[in-house]
């Protein structure tokens, strides 16, 4: 019985230690995002937040939502949605002249 459980875990997931490592990485990235409020990043403020947001999105959907272990069509749909969301967000910020100092 334990053999089938181990095989299923290897097929479609990670060990508990792997999930804890991913959670700690996500917590560290979140701490960096919060620190952008207190530290002046200058013109790198928005690009750094966008990059950290994308990294967190990819990690969450890849590991916690098991997208890494599913069909590529699901990955395509999620990443297309991410690209569309980034486009809309950047367009909205440009409309309100956010990028002009």
C-alpha atoms as a PDB file:
ATOM      1  CA  UNK A   1       0.000   0.000   0.000  1.00  0.00           C
ATOM      2  CA  UNK A   2       2.825   2.416   0.768  1.00  0.00           C
ATOM      3  CA  UNK A   3       4.342   1.805  -2.673  1.00  0.00           C
ATOM      4  CA  UNK A   4       1.254   3.135  -4.469  1.00  0.00           C
ATOM      5  CA  UNK A   5       1.188   6.188  -2.210  1.00  0.00           C
ATOM      6  CA  UNK A   6       4.860   6.951  -2.889  1.00  0.00           C
ATOM      7  CA  UNK A   7       4.371   6.452  -6.633  1.00  0.00           C
ATOM      8  CA  UNK A   8       1.361   8.781  -6.686  1.00  0.00           C
ATOM      9  CA  UNK A   9       3.301  11.414  -4.710  1.00  0.00           C
ATOM     10  CA  UNK A  10       6.193  11.269  -7.182  1.00  0.00           C
ATOM     11  CA  UNK A  11       3.783  11.451 -10.093  1.00  0.00           C
ATOM     12  CA  UNK A  12       1.639  14.342  -8.982  1.00  0.00           C
ATOM     13  CA  UNK A  13       3.197  16.349  -6.197  1.00  0.00           C
ATOM     14  CA  UNK A  14       6.065  16.915  -3.858  1.00  0.00           C
ATOM     15  CA  UNK A  15       6.996  15.900  -0.350  1.00  0.00           C
ATOM     16  CA  UNK A  16       5.925  17.956   2.645  1.00  0.00           C
ATOM     17  CA  UNK A  17       9.456  19.332   2.926  1.00  0.00           C
ATOM     18  CA  UNK A  18       9.226  20.580  -0.660  1.00  0.00           C
ATOM     19  CA  UNK A  19       5.996  22.425   0.052  1.00  0.00           C
ATOM     20  CA  UNK A  20       7.526  23.992   3.166  1.00  0.00           C
ATOM     21  CA  UNK A  21      10.530  25.197   1.134  1.00  0.00           C
ATOM     22  CA  UNK A  22       8.229  26.752  -1.472  1.00  0.00           C
ATOM     23  CA  UNK A  23       6.172  28.412   1.293  1.00  0.00           C
ATOM     24  CA  UNK A  24       9.325  29.877   2.853  1.00  0.00           C
ATOM     25  CA  UNK A  25      10.460  31.225  -0.532  1.00  0.00           C
ATOM     26  CA  UNK A  26       7.020  32.792  -1.049  1.00  0.00           C
ATOM     27  CA  UNK A  27       7.182  34.349   2.441  1.00  0.00           C
ATOM     28  CA  UNK A  28      10.619  35.817   1.671  1.00  0.00           C
ATOM     29  CA  UNK A  29       9.386  37.299  -1.615  1.00  0.00           C
ATOM     30  CA  UNK A  30       6.369  38.752   0.201  1.00  0.00           C
ATOM     31  CA  UNK A  31       8.715  40.337   2.755  1.00  0.00           C
ATOM     32  CA  UNK A  32      10.685  41.890  -0.106  1.00  0.00           C
ATOM     33  CA  UNK A  33       7.464  43.232  -1.615  1.00  0.00           C
ATOM     34  CA  UNK A  34       6.490  44.817   1.688  1.00  0.00           C
ATOM     35  CA  UNK A  35       9.983  46.298   2.041  1.00  0.00           C
ATOM     36  CA  UNK A  36       9.482  48.236  -1.197  1.00  0.00           C
ATOM     37  CA  UNK A  37       7.108  50.455   0.770  1.00  0.00           C
ATOM     38  CA  UNK A  38       9.797  51.379   3.296  1.00  0.00           C
ATOM     39  CA  UNK A  39      12.894  51.495   1.041  1.00  0.00           C
ATOM     40  CA  UNK A  40      13.163  53.935  -1.845  1.00  0.00           C
ATOM     41  CA  UNK A  41      13.782  51.879  -4.987  1.00  0.00           C
ATOM     42  CA  UNK A  42      13.448  54.882  -7.270  1.00  0.00           C
ATOM     43  CA  UNK A  43      12.527  53.971 -10.845  1.00  0.00           C
ATOM     44  CA  UNK A  44      12.966  50.250 -10.073  1.00  0.00           C
ATOM     45  CA  UNK A  45       9.937  50.275  -7.773  1.00  0.00           C
ATOM     46  CA  UNK A  46       7.307  49.118 -10.266  1.00  0.00           C
ATOM     47  CA  UNK A  47       9.479  46.676 -12.273  1.00  0.00           C
ATOM     48  CA  UNK A  48      10.666  45.007  -9.060  1.00  0.00           C
ATOM     49  CA  UNK A  49       7.094  44.585  -7.817  1.00  0.00           C
ATOM     50  CA  UNK A  50       5.984  43.203 -11.190  1.00  0.00           C
ATOM     51  CA  UNK A  51       8.837  40.700 -11.302  1.00  0.00           C
ATOM     52  CA  UNK A  52       8.182  39.519  -7.753  1.00  0.00           C
ATOM     53  CA  UNK A  53       4.466  39.222  -8.524  1.00  0.00           C
ATOM     54  CA  UNK A  54       5.134  37.067 -11.594  1.00  0.00           C
ATOM     55  CA  UNK A  55       7.590  34.835  -9.705  1.00  0.00           C
ATOM     56  CA  UNK A  56       5.073  34.296  -6.908  1.00  0.00           C
ATOM     57  CA  UNK A  57       2.273  33.587  -9.393  1.00  0.00           C
ATOM     58  CA  UNK A  58       4.358  30.997 -11.230  1.00  0.00           C
ATOM     59  CA  UNK A  59       5.412  29.299  -7.990  1.00  0.00           C
ATOM     60  CA  UNK A  60       1.893  29.152  -6.587  1.00  0.00           C
ATOM     61  CA  UNK A  61       0.247  27.805  -9.724  1.00  0.00           C
ATOM     62  CA  UNK A  62       3.128  25.443 -10.468  1.00  0.00           C
ATOM     63  CA  UNK A  63       3.448  23.791  -7.080  1.00  0.00           C
ATOM     64  CA  UNK A  64       0.410  24.470  -4.904  1.00  0.00           C
ATOM     65  CA  UNK A  65      -2.084  24.149  -7.763  1.00  0.00           C
ATOM     66  CA  UNK A  66      -0.072  21.227  -9.252  1.00  0.00           C
ATOM     67  CA  UNK A  67       0.074  22.914 -12.659  1.00  0.00           C
ATOM     68  CA  UNK A  68       3.642  21.695 -13.088  1.00  0.00           C
ATOM     69  CA  UNK A  69       2.357  18.130 -13.088  1.00  0.00           C
ATOM     70  CA  UNK A  70      -0.716  18.691 -15.332  1.00  0.00           C
ATOM     71  CA  UNK A  71      -1.295  19.075 -19.044  1.00  0.00           C
ATOM     72  CA  UNK A  72       0.435  21.910 -20.905  1.00  0.00           C
ATOM     73  CA  UNK A  73      -2.910  23.337 -22.063  1.00  0.00           C
ATOM     74  CA  UNK A  74      -3.681  24.320 -18.465  1.00  0.00           C
ATOM     75  CA  UNK A  75      -0.293  26.024 -18.176  1.00  0.00           C
ATOM     76  CA  UNK A  76      -0.991  27.898 -21.396  1.00  0.00           C
ATOM     77  CA  UNK A  77      -4.353  29.121 -20.082  1.00  0.00           C
ATOM     78  CA  UNK A  78      -2.922  30.314 -16.756  1.00  0.00           C
ATOM     79  CA  UNK A  79       0.084  32.051 -18.289  1.00  0.00           C
ATOM     80  CA  UNK A  80      -2.046  33.661 -20.991  1.00  0.00           C
ATOM     81  CA  UNK A  81      -4.260  35.052 -18.224  1.00  0.00           C
ATOM     82  CA  UNK A  82      -1.188  36.346 -16.411  1.00  0.00           C
ATOM     83  CA  UNK A  83       0.049  38.059 -19.571  1.00  0.00           C
ATOM     84  CA  UNK A  84      -3.358  39.642 -20.160  1.00  0.00           C
ATOM     85  CA  UNK A  85      -3.547  40.843 -16.546  1.00  0.00           C
ATOM     86  CA  UNK A  86      -0.077  42.404 -16.789  1.00  0.00           C
ATOM     87  CA  UNK A  87      -1.002  44.109 -20.056  1.00  0.00           C
ATOM     88  CA  UNK A  88      -4.225  45.559 -18.603  1.00  0.00           C
ATOM     89  CA  UNK A  89      -2.489  46.704 -15.407  1.00  0.00           C
ATOM     90  CA  UNK A  90       0.400  48.392 -17.210  1.00  0.00           C
ATOM     91  CA  UNK A  91      -2.002  49.992 -19.690  1.00  0.00           C
ATOM     92  CA  UNK A  92      -4.147  51.349 -16.859  1.00  0.00           C
ATOM     93  CA  UNK A  93      -1.086  52.770 -15.094  1.00  0.00           C
ATOM     94  CA  UNK A  94       0.107  54.358 -18.348  1.00  0.00           C
ATOM     95  CA  UNK A  95      -3.334  55.895 -18.876  1.00  0.00           C
ATOM     96  CA  UNK A  96      -3.096  57.648 -15.529  1.00  0.00           C
ATOM     97  CA  UNK A  97       0.453  58.798 -16.315  1.00  0.00           C
ATOM     98  CA  UNK A  98       1.902  56.738 -13.451  1.00  0.00           C
ATOM     99  CA  UNK A  99       5.239  56.243 -15.202  1.00  0.00           C
ATOM    100  CA  UNK A 100       5.886  59.953 -15.808  1.00  0.00           C
ATOM    101  CA  UNK A 101       7.854  61.598 -13.004  1.00  0.00           C
END
